Amino acid sequence: MAKAISVKDTAFGQDMLEVLAERQLERIGYRELDMAHSIQTLKEYLIKKLSHGIIRPAPGLCQPELRCLYPVYFDSVRVLLAECVAEFFQTGKVYMAVLDISRMEYVEHEIRRLVLTPEDTAALLRVLRKVQNPAHDLIARWKDPADRGRWMEHIRALYQTISQLQ
């Protein structure tokens, strides 16, 4: 049986979890994952990375990377966070393995508290509906129809789990 497809299991997902760890979770000892803060942290990181560090580009100017890649990357990080929410409500924890640069090994963490508002839930459900559109890049990138089907099933399962929180 094929492994489930998820953002969390990709290099991009791992990179984004490491950004969260560095900018948010290490400071609080991995005690909680605050969804609104996580979305903001990753949004700011993506904007800075895709605009090559230029925080306020000149009016009317927008780097192509920011204009073209940001929407897909931001949808990807919100799907990643939806995966974390679903994992938490299915297991009671969010598991993360984060690279410790000084020891060059992964350190495992379990986050046992999740801060999730009704607004956060609604936002995650909106993005999960959005990424089910066959024209969305998160679906179109899967060339194999079987992989597209597994991706769609994964997104539907996330949607079903999170919709129970409303």
N, C-alpha and C. Protein backbone atom coordinates (compact mmCIF):
# COMPACT_ATOMS: atom_id res chain seq x y z
N MET A 1 0.84 -1.19 0.00
CA MET A 1 0.00 0.00 0.00
C MET A 1 0.88 1.25 0.00
N ALA A 2 0.51 2.21 -0.80
CA ALA A 2 1.29 3.45 -0.93
C ALA A 2 1.15 4.31 0.32
N LYS A 3 2.23 5.01 0.63
CA LYS A 3 2.24 5.92 1.77
C LYS A 3 1.32 7.12 1.48
N ALA A 4 0.65 7.58 2.50
CA ALA A 4 -0.22 8.75 2.34
C ALA A 4 0.61 9.96 1.94
N ILE A 5 0.02 10.78 1.14
CA ILE A 5 0.67 12.00 0.69
C ILE A 5 0.33 13.11 1.69
N SER A 6 1.34 13.86 2.12
CA SER A 6 1.07 14.99 3.01
C SER A 6 2.16 16.03 2.83
N VAL A 7 1.83 17.27 3.15
CA VAL A 7 2.82 18.35 3.10
C VAL A 7 3.85 18.14 4.19
N LYS A 8 3.40 17.68 5.36
CA LYS A 8 4.29 17.50 6.50
C LYS A 8 5.45 16.54 6.19
N ASP A 9 5.23 15.58 5.30
CA ASP A 9 6.25 14.60 4.98
C ASP A 9 7.17 15.02 3.83
N THR A 10 7.03 16.26 3.36
CA THR A 10 7.88 16.75 2.26
C THR A 10 9.03 17.57 2.82
N ALA A 11 10.02 17.81 1.97
CA ALA A 11 11.14 18.68 2.36
C ALA A 11 10.62 20.09 2.67
N PHE A 12 9.67 20.58 1.86
CA PHE A 12 9.08 21.90 2.11
C PHE A 12 8.40 21.92 3.48
N GLY A 13 7.62 20.90 3.77
CA GLY A 13 6.93 20.83 5.06
C GLY A 13 7.91 20.81 6.22
N GLN A 14 8.97 20.03 6.08
CA GLN A 14 9.99 19.98 7.14
C GLN A 14 10.66 21.34 7.30
N ASP A 15 10.95 22.00 6.19
CA ASP A 15 11.54 23.35 6.27
C ASP A 15 10.62 24.31 7.02
N MET A 16 9.34 24.26 6.73
CA MET A 16 8.39 25.17 7.38
C MET A 16 8.25 24.84 8.86
N LEU A 17 8.29 23.57 9.22
CA LEU A 17 8.25 23.20 10.64
C LEU A 17 9.50 23.70 11.35
N GLU A 18 10.63 23.67 10.68
CA GLU A 18 11.86 24.18 11.28
C GLU A 18 11.80 25.70 11.45
N VAL A 19 11.16 26.40 10.52
CA VAL A 19 10.95 27.84 10.66
C VAL A 19 10.09 28.10 11.90
N LEU A 20 9.00 27.34 12.05
CA LEU A 20 8.15 27.49 13.23
C LEU A 20 8.93 27.22 14.51
N ALA A 21 9.73 26.16 14.48
CA ALA A 21 10.52 25.82 15.67
C ALA A 21 11.46 26.96 16.04
N GLU A 22 12.17 27.47 15.06
CA GLU A 22 13.16 28.51 15.30
C GLU A 22 12.53 29.83 15.74
N ARG A 23 11.44 30.21 15.12
CA ARG A 23 10.86 31.53 15.35
C ARG A 23 9.77 31.56 16.41
N GLN A 24 9.28 30.41 16.80
CA GLN A 24 8.13 30.42 17.71
C GLN A 24 8.24 29.36 18.80
N LEU A 25 8.48 28.12 18.44
CA LEU A 25 8.31 27.01 19.38
C LEU A 25 9.47 26.83 20.36
N GLU A 26 10.70 27.08 19.92
CA GLU A 26 11.84 26.93 20.83
C GLU A 26 11.71 27.84 22.04
N ARG A 27 11.24 29.07 21.80
CA ARG A 27 11.11 30.06 22.89
C ARG A 27 10.17 29.59 23.99
N ILE A 28 9.19 28.82 23.62
CA ILE A 28 8.19 28.39 24.62
C ILE A 28 8.32 26.92 24.96
N GLY A 29 9.45 26.35 24.63
CA GLY A 29 9.73 24.97 25.00
C GLY A 29 8.80 23.96 24.34
N TYR A 30 8.32 24.27 23.15
CA TYR A 30 7.43 23.37 22.40
C TYR A 30 6.17 23.00 23.18
N ARG A 31 5.73 23.92 24.06
CA ARG A 31 4.55 23.63 24.88
C ARG A 31 3.25 23.69 24.09
N GLU A 32 3.16 24.64 23.14
CA GLU A 32 1.89 24.78 22.42
C GLU A 32 2.12 25.25 21.00
N LEU A 33 1.14 24.95 20.17
CA LEU A 33 1.12 25.42 18.79
C LEU A 33 -0.08 26.35 18.66
N ASP A 34 0.20 27.63 18.54
CA ASP A 34 -0.84 28.65 18.39
C ASP A 34 -1.06 28.85 16.89
N MET A 35 -2.23 28.48 16.42
CA MET A 35 -2.49 28.47 14.98
C MET A 35 -2.39 29.86 14.37
N ALA A 36 -3.01 30.86 14.97
CA ALA A 36 -2.96 32.22 14.40
C ALA A 36 -1.53 32.73 14.35
N HIS A 37 -0.76 32.50 15.41
CA HIS A 37 0.63 32.93 15.45
C HIS A 37 1.45 32.16 14.42
N SER A 38 1.17 30.87 14.26
CA SER A 38 1.89 30.05 13.29
C SER A 38 1.64 30.52 11.86
N ILE A 39 0.39 30.82 11.56
CA ILE A 39 0.06 31.32 10.21
C ILE A 39 0.81 32.62 9.96
N GLN A 40 0.79 33.53 10.91
CA GLN A 40 1.47 34.82 10.75
C GLN A 40 2.98 34.64 10.61
N THR A 41 3.56 33.77 11.43
CA THR A 41 5.00 33.52 11.38
C THR A 41 5.42 33.01 10.01
N LEU A 42 4.69 32.03 9.48
CA LEU A 42 5.04 31.45 8.19
C LEU A 42 4.75 32.42 7.04
N LYS A 43 3.69 33.21 7.18
CA LYS A 43 3.38 34.22 6.16
C LYS A 43 4.53 35.23 6.05
N GLU A 44 4.97 35.75 7.18
CA GLU A 44 6.07 36.72 7.19
C GLU A 44 7.35 36.11 6.63
N TYR A 45 7.61 34.86 7.00
CA TYR A 45 8.81 34.19 6.49
C TYR A 45 8.76 34.06 4.97
N LEU A 46 7.63 33.60 4.43
CA LEU A 46 7.51 33.42 2.99
C LEU A 46 7.64 34.75 2.24
N ILE A 47 7.01 35.78 2.75
CA ILE A 47 7.11 37.09 2.08
C ILE A 47 8.55 37.57 2.06
N LYS A 48 9.23 37.46 3.19
CA LYS A 48 10.62 37.90 3.25
C LYS A 48 11.51 37.06 2.32
N LYS A 49 11.32 35.75 2.34
CA LYS A 49 12.15 34.87 1.51
C LYS A 49 11.89 35.11 0.02
N LEU A 50 10.63 35.23 -0.36
CA LEU A 50 10.31 35.39 -1.78
C LEU A 50 10.56 36.80 -2.30
N SER A 51 10.65 37.77 -1.40
CA SER A 51 10.97 39.14 -1.84
C SER A 51 12.45 39.44 -1.64
N HIS A 52 13.23 38.38 -1.37
CA HIS A 52 14.68 38.48 -1.22
C HIS A 52 15.08 39.49 -0.15
N GLY A 53 14.31 39.52 0.93
CA GLY A 53 14.65 40.38 2.05
C GLY A 53 14.17 41.81 1.94
N ILE A 54 13.60 42.18 0.81
CA ILE A 54 13.09 43.54 0.65
C ILE A 54 11.69 43.57 1.26
N ILE A 55 11.57 44.15 2.42
CA ILE A 55 10.31 44.13 3.14
C ILE A 55 9.26 44.99 2.47
N ARG A 56 9.62 46.18 2.03
CA ARG A 56 8.66 47.09 1.40
C ARG A 56 9.16 47.48 0.02
N PRO A 57 8.85 46.67 -1.00
CA PRO A 57 9.29 47.05 -2.35
C PRO A 57 8.59 48.33 -2.78
N ALA A 58 9.14 48.97 -3.76
CA ALA A 58 8.56 50.21 -4.28
C ALA A 58 7.12 49.97 -4.71
N PRO A 59 6.23 50.97 -4.52
CA PRO A 59 4.83 50.81 -4.91
C PRO A 59 4.71 50.39 -6.37
N GLY A 60 3.84 49.43 -6.61
CA GLY A 60 3.61 48.95 -7.97
C GLY A 60 4.60 47.89 -8.41
N LEU A 61 5.65 47.68 -7.65
CA LEU A 61 6.63 46.66 -8.00
C LEU A 61 6.41 45.42 -7.13
N CYS A 62 6.49 44.29 -7.76
CA CYS A 62 6.36 43.05 -7.02
C CYS A 62 7.24 42.02 -7.72
N GLN A 63 8.15 41.43 -6.99
CA GLN A 63 9.01 40.44 -7.59
C GLN A 63 8.16 39.29 -8.13
N PRO A 64 8.55 38.73 -9.27
CA PRO A 64 7.79 37.61 -9.85
C PRO A 64 7.65 36.43 -8.89
N GLU A 65 8.71 36.15 -8.11
CA GLU A 65 8.63 35.04 -7.17
C GLU A 65 7.52 35.26 -6.16
N LEU A 66 7.43 36.48 -5.66
CA LEU A 66 6.42 36.79 -4.67
C LEU A 66 5.02 36.69 -5.29
N ARG A 67 4.86 37.25 -6.46
CA ARG A 67 3.54 37.27 -7.11
C ARG A 67 3.10 35.86 -7.52
N CYS A 68 4.02 35.06 -8.05
CA CYS A 68 3.66 33.75 -8.61
C CYS A 68 3.72 32.62 -7.58
N LEU A 69 4.73 32.62 -6.75
CA LEU A 69 4.93 31.49 -5.84
C LEU A 69 4.24 31.65 -4.49
N TYR A 70 4.12 32.88 -4.01
CA TYR A 70 3.56 33.08 -2.67
C TYR A 70 2.18 32.44 -2.50
N PRO A 71 1.22 32.62 -3.42
CA PRO A 71 -0.11 32.02 -3.19
C PRO A 71 -0.05 30.50 -3.01
N VAL A 72 0.75 29.82 -3.80
CA VAL A 72 0.85 28.36 -3.70
C VAL A 72 1.58 27.96 -2.42
N TYR A 73 2.67 28.65 -2.11
CA TYR A 73 3.41 28.34 -0.89
C TYR A 73 2.57 28.61 0.35
N PHE A 74 1.83 29.72 0.34
CA PHE A 74 1.00 30.04 1.50
C PHE A 74 -0.12 29.02 1.66
N ASP A 75 -0.72 28.59 0.56
CA ASP A 75 -1.71 27.51 0.65
C ASP A 75 -1.06 26.24 1.21
N SER A 76 0.16 25.96 0.78
CA SER A 76 0.87 24.76 1.26
C SER A 76 1.11 24.82 2.77
N VAL A 77 1.52 25.99 3.29
CA VAL A 77 1.76 26.07 4.73
C VAL A 77 0.46 25.97 5.51
N ARG A 78 -0.62 26.48 4.95
CA ARG A 78 -1.90 26.34 5.65
C ARG A 78 -2.40 24.90 5.62
N VAL A 79 -2.12 24.17 4.54
CA VAL A 79 -2.44 22.74 4.52
C VAL A 79 -1.57 22.01 5.55
N LEU A 80 -0.29 22.37 5.63
CA LEU A 80 0.60 21.81 6.64
C LEU A 80 0.04 22.02 8.05
N LEU A 81 -0.41 23.23 8.32
CA LEU A 81 -0.98 23.51 9.64
C LEU A 81 -2.29 22.75 9.86
N ALA A 82 -3.08 22.58 8.80
CA ALA A 82 -4.30 21.76 8.91
C ALA A 82 -3.93 20.32 9.25
N GLU A 83 -2.84 19.83 8.66
CA GLU A 83 -2.37 18.48 9.00
C GLU A 83 -2.00 18.39 10.48
N CYS A 84 -1.37 19.44 10.99
CA CYS A 84 -1.00 19.47 12.42
C CYS A 84 -2.25 19.47 13.30
N VAL A 85 -3.25 20.25 12.92
CA VAL A 85 -4.50 20.29 13.68
C VAL A 85 -5.16 18.91 13.68
N ALA A 86 -5.26 18.30 12.51
CA ALA A 86 -5.88 16.97 12.41
C ALA A 86 -5.10 15.95 13.24
N GLU A 87 -3.78 16.00 13.15
CA GLU A 87 -2.94 15.09 13.93
C GLU A 87 -3.19 15.27 15.43
N PHE A 88 -3.28 16.52 15.86
CA PHE A 88 -3.53 16.80 17.27
C PHE A 88 -4.86 16.21 17.73
N PHE A 89 -5.90 16.41 16.94
CA PHE A 89 -7.22 15.93 17.37
C PHE A 89 -7.39 14.43 17.20
N GLN A 90 -6.51 13.80 16.44
CA GLN A 90 -6.56 12.34 16.32
C GLN A 90 -5.67 11.64 17.34
N THR A 91 -4.56 12.30 17.75
CA THR A 91 -3.59 11.63 18.63
C THR A 91 -3.37 12.35 19.96
N GLY A 92 -3.82 13.59 20.06
CA GLY A 92 -3.59 14.36 21.29
C GLY A 92 -2.24 15.05 21.33
N LYS A 93 -1.52 15.02 20.19
CA LYS A 93 -0.22 15.68 20.14
C LYS A 93 0.14 15.95 18.69
N VAL A 94 1.10 16.86 18.52
CA VAL A 94 1.70 17.10 17.20
C VAL A 94 3.16 16.71 17.33
N TYR A 95 3.58 15.77 16.50
CA TYR A 95 4.96 15.28 16.52
C TYR A 95 5.80 16.09 15.55
N MET A 96 6.98 16.49 15.99
CA MET A 96 7.93 17.21 15.13
C MET A 96 9.33 16.67 15.41
N ALA A 97 10.09 16.51 14.35
CA ALA A 97 11.52 16.23 14.48
C ALA A 97 12.24 17.40 13.84
N VAL A 98 13.04 18.10 14.64
CA VAL A 98 13.70 19.32 14.18
C VAL A 98 15.21 19.12 14.26
N LEU A 99 15.89 19.56 13.20
CA LEU A 99 17.34 19.40 13.14
C LEU A 99 18.02 20.32 14.15
N ASP A 100 18.84 19.71 15.00
CA ASP A 100 19.70 20.46 15.93
C ASP A 100 21.03 20.64 15.22
N ILE A 101 21.27 21.86 14.76
CA ILE A 101 22.46 22.17 13.95
C ILE A 101 23.75 21.87 14.72
N SER A 102 23.77 22.15 16.01
CA SER A 102 25.01 21.97 16.77
C SER A 102 25.40 20.49 16.88
N ARG A 103 24.41 19.61 16.95
CA ARG A 103 24.70 18.16 17.05
C ARG A 103 24.51 17.44 15.72
N MET A 104 23.94 18.13 14.72
CA MET A 104 23.66 17.55 13.41
C MET A 104 22.84 16.26 13.51
N GLU A 105 21.80 16.35 14.33
CA GLU A 105 20.86 15.24 14.44
C GLU A 105 19.48 15.79 14.72
N TYR A 106 18.49 15.00 14.40
CA TYR A 106 17.12 15.43 14.62
C TYR A 106 16.72 15.18 16.07
N VAL A 107 16.03 16.17 16.63
CA VAL A 107 15.52 16.07 18.00
C VAL A 107 14.00 16.02 17.90
N GLU A 108 13.42 15.05 18.57
CA GLU A 108 11.97 14.86 18.52
C GLU A 108 11.28 15.71 19.58
N HIS A 109 10.13 16.24 19.19
CA HIS A 109 9.31 17.05 20.10
C HIS A 109 7.85 16.63 19.95
N GLU A 110 7.13 16.68 21.05
CA GLU A 110 5.69 16.45 21.02
C GLU A 110 5.01 17.69 21.59
N ILE A 111 4.16 18.28 20.79
CA ILE A 111 3.42 19.46 21.24
C ILE A 111 2.06 18.96 21.72
N ARG A 112 1.74 19.24 22.96
CA ARG A 112 0.53 18.68 23.58
C ARG A 112 -0.56 19.71 23.84
N ARG A 113 -0.38 20.93 23.35
CA ARG A 113 -1.41 21.96 23.50
C ARG A 113 -1.56 22.69 22.17
N LEU A 114 -2.79 22.90 21.76
CA LEU A 114 -3.08 23.58 20.50
C LEU A 114 -4.02 24.74 20.78
N VAL A 115 -3.66 25.92 20.29
CA VAL A 115 -4.53 27.09 20.40
C VAL A 115 -5.17 27.28 19.03
N LEU A 116 -6.47 27.09 18.98
CA LEU A 116 -7.22 27.13 17.72
C LEU A 116 -8.54 27.84 17.96
N THR A 117 -8.73 28.98 17.30
CA THR A 117 -9.96 29.74 17.44
C THR A 117 -10.95 29.32 16.34
N PRO A 118 -12.22 29.68 16.50
CA PRO A 118 -13.19 29.41 15.42
C PRO A 118 -12.77 30.08 14.10
N GLU A 119 -12.14 31.25 14.18
CA GLU A 119 -11.67 31.93 12.97
C GLU A 119 -10.55 31.13 12.30
N ASP A 120 -9.65 30.55 13.11
CA ASP A 120 -8.58 29.71 12.57
C ASP A 120 -9.17 28.49 11.86
N THR A 121 -10.15 27.88 12.51
CA THR A 121 -10.81 26.70 11.93
C THR A 121 -11.45 27.05 10.60
N ALA A 122 -12.16 28.17 10.55
CA ALA A 122 -12.82 28.60 9.31
C ALA A 122 -11.79 28.86 8.21
N ALA A 123 -10.67 29.49 8.57
CA ALA A 123 -9.63 29.78 7.57
C ALA A 123 -9.02 28.49 7.02
N LEU A 124 -8.78 27.52 7.90
CA LEU A 124 -8.22 26.25 7.43
C LEU A 124 -9.21 25.51 6.53
N LEU A 125 -10.48 25.55 6.88
CA LEU A 125 -11.49 24.91 6.03
C LEU A 125 -11.58 25.58 4.67
N ARG A 126 -11.47 26.91 4.65
CA ARG A 126 -11.49 27.63 3.36
C ARG A 126 -10.34 27.19 2.46
N VAL A 127 -9.14 27.10 3.02
CA VAL A 127 -8.00 26.71 2.18
C VAL A 127 -8.13 25.25 1.75
N LEU A 128 -8.68 24.40 2.60
CA LEU A 128 -8.86 23.00 2.21
C LEU A 128 -9.89 22.86 1.09
N ARG A 129 -10.89 23.71 1.08
CA ARG A 129 -11.84 23.73 -0.06
C ARG A 129 -11.13 24.23 -1.31
N LYS A 130 -10.33 25.27 -1.15
CA LYS A 130 -9.64 25.90 -2.28
C LYS A 130 -8.69 24.92 -2.97
N VAL A 131 -7.93 24.14 -2.19
CA VAL A 131 -6.92 23.27 -2.79
C VAL A 131 -7.52 21.99 -3.38
N GLN A 132 -8.84 21.85 -3.30
CA GLN A 132 -9.50 20.72 -3.95
C GLN A 132 -9.85 21.02 -5.41
N ASN A 133 -9.67 22.27 -5.82
CA ASN A 133 -9.92 22.66 -7.21
C ASN A 133 -8.88 21.97 -8.09
N PRO A 134 -9.31 21.20 -9.10
CA PRO A 134 -8.35 20.48 -9.95
C PRO A 134 -7.32 21.39 -10.62
N ALA A 135 -7.62 22.67 -10.80
CA ALA A 135 -6.67 23.59 -11.43
C ALA A 135 -5.63 24.12 -10.44
N HIS A 136 -5.84 23.90 -9.15
CA HIS A 136 -4.90 24.41 -8.15
C HIS A 136 -3.57 23.68 -8.31
N ASP A 137 -2.47 24.42 -8.14
CA ASP A 137 -1.14 23.85 -8.33
C ASP A 137 -0.86 22.67 -7.40
N LEU A 138 -1.44 22.66 -6.22
CA LEU A 138 -1.20 21.55 -5.30
C LEU A 138 -1.80 20.24 -5.81
N ILE A 139 -2.73 20.33 -6.74
CA ILE A 139 -3.27 19.12 -7.38
C ILE A 139 -2.60 18.91 -8.73
N ALA A 140 -2.49 19.98 -9.50
CA ALA A 140 -1.95 19.89 -10.86
C ALA A 140 -0.52 19.36 -10.89
N ARG A 141 0.24 19.56 -9.81
CA ARG A 141 1.63 19.10 -9.81
C ARG A 141 1.76 17.58 -9.82
N TRP A 142 0.70 16.89 -9.40
CA TRP A 142 0.73 15.42 -9.40
C TRP A 142 0.40 14.93 -10.81
N LYS A 143 1.39 14.42 -11.49
CA LYS A 143 1.19 13.96 -12.88
C LYS A 143 0.48 12.61 -12.92
N ASP A 144 0.75 11.77 -11.95
CA ASP A 144 0.13 10.44 -11.90
C ASP A 144 -1.28 10.57 -11.32
N PRO A 145 -2.30 10.11 -12.06
CA PRO A 145 -3.68 10.20 -11.56
C PRO A 145 -3.88 9.52 -10.20
N ALA A 146 -3.14 8.45 -9.95
CA ALA A 146 -3.25 7.77 -8.65
C ALA A 146 -2.77 8.69 -7.52
N ASP A 147 -1.67 9.41 -7.77
CA ASP A 147 -1.16 10.35 -6.76
C ASP A 147 -2.14 11.50 -6.55
N ARG A 148 -2.73 12.01 -7.64
CA ARG A 148 -3.75 13.06 -7.51
C ARG A 148 -4.92 12.56 -6.68
N GLY A 149 -5.31 11.33 -6.91
CA GLY A 149 -6.41 10.76 -6.14
C GLY A 149 -6.07 10.62 -4.66
N ARG A 150 -4.83 10.20 -4.37
CA ARG A 150 -4.41 10.09 -2.97
C ARG A 150 -4.35 11.47 -2.32
N TRP A 151 -3.88 12.47 -3.07
CA TRP A 151 -3.84 13.84 -2.55
C TRP A 151 -5.25 14.32 -2.22
N MET A 152 -6.18 14.12 -3.15
CA MET A 152 -7.56 14.55 -2.93
C MET A 152 -8.17 13.85 -1.72
N GLU A 153 -7.90 12.57 -1.58
CA GLU A 153 -8.42 11.83 -0.43
C GLU A 153 -7.83 12.37 0.87
N HIS A 154 -6.55 12.70 0.85
CA HIS A 154 -5.90 13.29 2.02
C HIS A 154 -6.56 14.62 2.40
N ILE A 155 -6.78 15.47 1.42
CA ILE A 155 -7.40 16.78 1.68
C ILE A 155 -8.83 16.60 2.18
N ARG A 156 -9.58 15.69 1.59
CA ARG A 156 -10.96 15.42 2.05
C ARG A 156 -10.97 14.93 3.49
N ALA A 157 -10.02 14.06 3.84
CA ALA A 157 -9.94 13.55 5.22
C ALA A 157 -9.60 14.68 6.19
N LEU A 158 -8.67 15.56 5.81
CA LEU A 158 -8.36 16.71 6.65
C LEU A 158 -9.59 17.59 6.84
N TYR A 159 -10.28 17.84 5.73
CA TYR A 159 -11.48 18.68 5.78
C TYR A 159 -12.51 18.08 6.72
N GLN A 160 -12.72 16.77 6.59
CA GLN A 160 -13.72 16.10 7.43
C GLN A 160 -13.33 16.20 8.91
N THR A 161 -12.08 15.96 9.22
CA THR A 161 -11.63 16.03 10.62
C THR A 161 -11.79 17.42 11.18
N ILE A 162 -11.34 18.44 10.44
CA ILE A 162 -11.37 19.80 10.95
C ILE A 162 -12.80 20.36 10.98
N SER A 163 -13.65 19.94 10.04
CA SER A 163 -15.03 20.43 10.04
C SER A 163 -15.80 19.97 11.27
N GLN A 164 -15.35 18.91 11.91
CA GLN A 164 -15.99 18.45 13.15
C GLN A 164 -15.71 19.39 14.32
N LEU A 165 -14.75 20.29 14.16
CA LEU A 165 -14.40 21.21 15.23
C LEU A 165 -15.27 22.45 15.27
N GLN A 166 -16.10 22.62 14.25
CA GLN A 166 -16.95 23.83 14.20
C GLN A 166 -18.11 23.70 15.16
